[in-house]
Protein backbone atom coordinates (compact mmCIF):
# COMPACT_ATOMS: atom_id res chain seq x y z
CA UNK A 1 63.24 186.56 110.14
CA UNK A 2 64.24 184.43 107.16
CA UNK A 3 62.57 184.89 103.81
CA UNK A 4 61.48 181.24 103.75
CA UNK A 5 59.67 181.65 107.07
CA UNK A 6 57.28 184.17 105.48
CA UNK A 7 56.11 181.69 102.86
CA UNK A 8 53.00 179.60 103.34
CA UNK A 9 53.68 175.86 103.27
CA UNK A 10 52.85 174.21 99.98
CA UNK A 11 49.80 172.00 99.76
CA UNK A 12 50.62 168.32 100.15
CA UNK A 13 51.46 166.60 96.89
CA UNK A 14 48.94 164.12 95.54
CA UNK A 15 51.39 162.01 93.53
CA UNK A 16 54.96 160.82 93.93
CA UNK A 17 55.99 162.89 90.90
CA UNK A 18 54.43 166.02 92.37
CA UNK A 19 56.24 165.41 95.68
CA UNK A 20 59.55 164.97 93.85
CA UNK A 21 58.92 168.23 92.01
CA UNK A 22 58.25 169.99 95.33
CA UNK A 23 61.49 168.66 96.79
CA UNK A 24 63.47 169.65 93.69
CA UNK A 25 62.00 173.13 93.89
CA UNK A 26 62.92 173.44 97.57
CA UNK A 27 66.46 172.20 96.92
CA UNK A 28 66.83 174.64 94.03
CA UNK A 29 65.64 177.53 96.22
CA UNK A 30 68.11 176.53 98.93
CA UNK A 31 70.93 176.34 96.39
CA UNK A 32 70.03 179.81 95.12
CA UNK A 33 69.97 181.16 98.68
CA UNK A 34 73.44 179.75 99.37
CA UNK A 35 74.87 181.10 96.12
CA UNK A 36 73.43 184.56 96.73
CA UNK A 37 74.75 184.63 100.31
CA UNK A 38 78.22 183.52 99.21
CA UNK A 39 78.04 180.34 101.29
CA UNK A 40 77.73 177.84 98.43
CA UNK A 41 80.09 174.88 98.35
CA UNK A 42 82.43 174.39 95.40
CA UNK A 43 80.45 171.35 94.26
CA UNK A 44 77.23 173.38 94.22
CA UNK A 45 78.84 176.10 92.14
CA UNK A 46 80.33 173.55 89.73
CA UNK A 47 76.95 171.89 89.33
CA UNK A 48 75.33 175.13 88.20
CA UNK A 49 78.32 176.08 86.05
CA UNK A 50 78.03 172.75 84.19
CA UNK A 51 74.35 173.41 83.52
CA UNK A 52 75.32 176.50 81.54
CA UNK A 53 77.91 174.84 79.30
CA UNK A 54 77.45 174.38 75.57
CA UNK A 55 78.01 170.64 75.97
CA UNK A 56 75.16 170.36 78.46
CA UNK A 57 72.86 172.38 76.21
CA UNK A 58 73.72 170.16 73.22
CA UNK A 59 73.11 167.00 75.28
CA UNK A 60 69.74 168.37 76.37
CA UNK A 61 68.78 169.19 72.77
CA UNK A 62 69.89 165.70 71.68
CA UNK A 63 67.73 164.07 74.37
CA UNK A 64 64.73 166.16 73.31
CA UNK A 65 65.19 165.08 69.68
CA UNK A 66 65.64 161.42 70.65
CA UNK A 67 62.42 161.63 72.66
CA UNK A 68 60.57 163.19 69.72
CA UNK A 69 61.93 160.46 67.41
CA UNK A 70 60.79 157.71 69.79
CA UNK A 71 57.31 159.27 69.98
CA UNK A 72 57.16 159.48 66.17
CA UNK A 73 58.15 155.80 65.89
CA UNK A 74 55.39 154.78 68.30
CA UNK A 75 52.87 156.86 66.35
CA UNK A 76 54.03 155.30 63.08
CA UNK A 77 53.69 151.77 64.46
CA UNK A 78 50.18 152.50 65.73
CA UNK A 79 49.17 153.96 62.36
CA UNK A 80 50.58 150.91 60.54
CA UNK A 81 48.56 148.58 62.78
CA UNK A 82 45.44 150.64 62.12
CA UNK A 83 46.07 150.55 58.36
CA UNK A 84 46.56 146.78 58.47
CA UNK A 85 43.18 146.37 60.11
CA UNK A 86 41.53 148.66 57.56
CA UNK A 87 43.07 146.71 54.67
CA UNK A 88 41.92 143.39 56.15
CA UNK A 89 38.37 144.71 56.50
CA UNK A 90 38.43 146.10 52.95
CA UNK A 91 39.60 142.74 51.55
CA UNK A 92 36.83 140.93 53.43
CA UNK A 93 34.26 143.40 52.13
CA UNK A 94 35.50 143.02 48.53
CA UNK A 95 35.40 139.23 48.83
CA UNK A 96 31.78 139.34 49.99
CA UNK A 97 30.91 141.94 47.32
CA UNK A 98 32.44 139.81 44.54
CA UNK A 99 30.40 136.82 45.65
CA UNK A 100 33.37 134.71 46.71
CA UNK A 101 32.76 135.02 50.42
CA UNK A 102 30.01 134.62 52.95
CA UNK A 103 28.41 137.68 54.57
CA UNK A 104 29.23 136.15 57.98
CA UNK A 105 32.92 136.44 57.05
CA UNK A 106 32.60 140.20 57.12
CA UNK A 107 32.58 141.80 60.56
CA UNK A 108 31.40 145.39 60.74
C-alpha cells in the first residue's frame, strides 16, 4: 500500500488561492517521492538544484526587499494624504479662530 493512500483527503479549499496551495503541496510531495525513489526526471532534479543556488537566494531576497519598499511607499503616501487633510482642517480652524472666516467654513 502506498504512503499517500494512508492519508485522509484534505478538506475542500474555500478559495482559489487555497486550492492552488493544495495543488502546489501535492505536486511538491510527488516530486519528493520521485526524488527519494530515484525515479525523478532530469528536469525535476534541475528545478530543485536551481532553488538551492546562491543566485536564486539573492533574487528571492531582492524581491522581498522590493516588496517591503513598495509597501513603505504606499504607507508614506497614505500618511501624506492624512497629513494634508489635518493641515487643511487646522488652517480652517485658525481662520475661524482669528475671526476671518465663518464657523460654517469649518467642518468637524
